[in-house]
Each structure stands twice: as structure tokens, then as C-alpha cells.
Amino acid sequence: MHKEPQPEVLEDRAVLSESWDQFHDCANVAMAGCPQEAAAVWESLRQESKKMQFSGNLYDMCSNRDGLPPADSAVPRGSPGKEEVSQESLRGGAAGRGGGPGLLGLLLTAALLLMWL
């Protein structure tokens, strides 16, 4: 017998999963400006963490959002899925959209300026 999750549990899971998605989007954009080796390390870590089997694995929880509409349900057919967009970002496709230094570069510059003052 399958028990339906409580509404507040679904809401908490939706908020958590949205934050998880935002984290990955941010990390992919930041990694787009990094050397290819760094992007490869990030991708291998991402793939390994997907495989880990433990209670509370965010990949499992956020990919199986029982009772929630899929995160990419608003994406029209024929548009790249979240996984394809992430792969494009890791290959540097997002660097052209940013038009400037990557997030990591900006953060490092700000940190150096603060230390110098």
C-alpha cells in the first residue's frame, strides 16, 4: 500500500528541490569559465553522487518528486532538457551568454580588492 505524502512534506520537498536545482545551475555557470579539467572533475563528482545510495540522497529525492509537476514541465517539446543544458554549460556554452568574466573570477577579484584595502 502506497501512502500519499503530506502536503507540507511535498511543499518542503519542492522548496528543497528548487534550491538544489538553483545550486546546480549556479555551479554549472561558474564551471563554464574554468579549464576543461575542472569541468570534467565537477561532472564526475556529479555523476558519482547520483549513484550513491543513502537515505536523503538529493538526486533521488529531487528527481522523484511524487505529486509534484516535473521541474521542466513548462519546457516546450524540442527544447533541451535540464541535463542537456547542464552538459552545455560544462562545455563552456554558458560562457558566451555571460559576456564577461565568470562568477568565480568576479568573486576572486572582489576578495583581492577587500584584502588590499
Protein backbone atom coordinates (compact mmCIF):
# COMPACT_ATOMS: atom_id res chain seq x y z
CA MET A 1 0.00 0.00 0.00
CA HIS A 2 1.43 3.37 -1.08
CA LYS A 3 0.81 6.23 1.32
CA GLU A 4 0.49 9.71 -0.20
CA PRO A 5 2.93 12.28 1.25
CA GLN A 6 1.51 15.06 3.43
CA PRO A 7 1.01 18.44 1.66
CA GLU A 8 3.62 20.16 3.86
CA VAL A 9 6.13 17.40 3.03
CA LEU A 10 5.51 17.95 -0.68
CA GLU A 11 5.93 21.71 -0.22
CA ASP A 12 9.18 21.24 1.72
CA ARG A 13 10.45 18.85 -0.94
CA ALA A 14 9.53 21.33 -3.68
CA VAL A 15 11.43 24.15 -1.93
CA LEU A 16 14.43 21.90 -1.28
CA SER A 17 14.45 20.61 -4.84
CA GLU A 18 14.20 24.14 -6.25
CA SER A 19 17.23 25.17 -4.16
CA TRP A 20 19.05 22.03 -5.35
CA ASP A 21 18.29 22.94 -8.98
CA GLN A 22 19.48 26.52 -8.43
CA PHE A 23 22.71 25.27 -6.85
CA HIS A 24 23.44 23.11 -9.89
CA ASP A 25 22.57 25.89 -12.31
CA CYS A 26 24.91 28.26 -10.45
CA ALA A 27 27.69 25.68 -10.26
CA ASN A 28 27.39 24.91 -13.98
CA VAL A 29 27.64 28.61 -14.89
CA ALA A 30 30.63 29.06 -12.58
CA MET A 31 32.34 25.97 -14.00
CA ALA A 32 31.79 27.16 -17.58
CA GLY A 33 34.66 29.62 -17.18
CA CYS A 34 37.02 27.05 -15.70
CA PRO A 35 39.56 24.92 -17.55
CA GLN A 36 38.17 21.78 -19.12
CA GLU A 37 39.85 19.58 -16.48
CA ALA A 38 37.95 21.33 -13.67
CA ALA A 39 34.66 20.91 -15.52
CA ALA A 40 35.43 17.21 -16.01
CA VAL A 41 36.10 16.80 -12.28
CA TRP A 42 32.80 18.54 -11.44
CA GLU A 43 30.90 16.31 -13.88
CA SER A 44 32.48 13.13 -12.46
CA LEU A 45 31.60 14.20 -8.91
CA ARG A 46 28.04 14.94 -10.02
CA GLN A 47 27.72 11.51 -11.66
CA GLU A 48 29.18 9.72 -8.62
CA SER A 49 26.85 11.48 -6.19
CA LYS A 50 23.90 10.47 -8.38
CA LYS A 51 24.90 6.81 -7.89
CA MET A 52 25.23 6.97 -4.10
CA GLN A 53 22.53 5.03 -2.29
CA PHE A 54 21.60 6.51 1.08
CA SER A 55 18.54 7.95 2.76
CA GLY A 56 18.18 11.62 1.89
CA ASN A 57 20.11 11.49 -1.40
CA LEU A 58 19.04 14.78 -3.00
CA TYR A 59 19.40 13.41 -6.53
CA ASP A 60 16.87 10.68 -5.76
CA MET A 61 14.55 12.92 -3.78
CA CYS A 62 14.51 15.75 -6.31
CA SER A 63 14.22 13.51 -9.36
CA ASN A 64 11.28 11.60 -7.84
CA ARG A 65 9.05 14.48 -6.82
CA ASP A 66 5.93 12.43 -6.02
CA GLY A 67 2.88 14.53 -6.55
CA LEU A 68 4.85 17.45 -7.95
CA PRO A 69 4.86 18.57 -11.54
CA PRO A 70 8.23 17.93 -13.18
CA ALA A 71 10.62 20.88 -12.88
CA ASP A 72 10.90 21.11 -16.66
CA SER A 73 7.18 20.59 -17.41
CA ALA A 74 6.98 24.15 -18.76
CA VAL A 75 9.77 23.45 -21.26
CA PRO A 76 8.25 23.06 -24.72
CA ARG A 77 8.89 19.87 -26.63
CA GLY A 78 12.02 20.09 -28.71
CA SER A 79 13.75 22.34 -26.18
CA PRO A 80 16.87 20.99 -24.49
CA GLY A 81 16.23 19.31 -21.15
CA LYS A 82 17.91 20.31 -17.90
CA GLU A 83 20.54 17.58 -18.30
CA GLU A 84 21.42 18.76 -21.84
CA VAL A 85 21.65 22.39 -20.70
CA SER A 86 23.91 21.37 -17.81
CA GLN A 87 26.20 19.50 -20.18
CA GLU A 88 26.32 22.52 -22.50
CA SER A 89 27.23 24.77 -19.56
CA LEU A 90 30.04 22.45 -18.53
CA ARG A 91 31.43 22.52 -22.05
CA GLY A 92 31.55 26.32 -21.93
CA GLY A 93 28.34 27.08 -23.77
CA ALA A 94 27.23 29.39 -20.97
CA ALA A 95 30.39 31.48 -21.18
CA GLY A 96 29.23 33.08 -24.42
CA ARG A 97 25.91 34.09 -22.88
CA GLY A 98 27.54 35.78 -19.90
CA GLY A 99 29.55 38.21 -21.96
CA GLY A 100 32.14 38.76 -19.24
CA PRO A 101 34.28 37.11 -16.61
CA GLY A 102 32.79 34.17 -14.80
CA LEU A 103 31.30 34.32 -11.33
CA LEU A 104 34.42 32.78 -9.86
CA GLY A 105 36.59 35.47 -11.44
CA LEU A 106 34.38 38.22 -10.05
CA LEU A 107 34.43 36.73 -6.57
CA LEU A 108 38.21 36.37 -6.61
CA THR A 109 38.63 39.96 -7.79
CA ALA A 110 36.34 41.24 -5.03
CA ALA A 111 38.22 39.21 -2.41
CA LEU A 112 41.59 40.56 -3.59
CA LEU A 113 40.29 44.13 -3.51
CA LEU A 114 39.00 43.70 0.03
CA MET A 115 42.33 42.26 1.19
CA TRP A 116 44.25 45.11 -0.45
CA LEU A 117 42.15 47.85 1.21
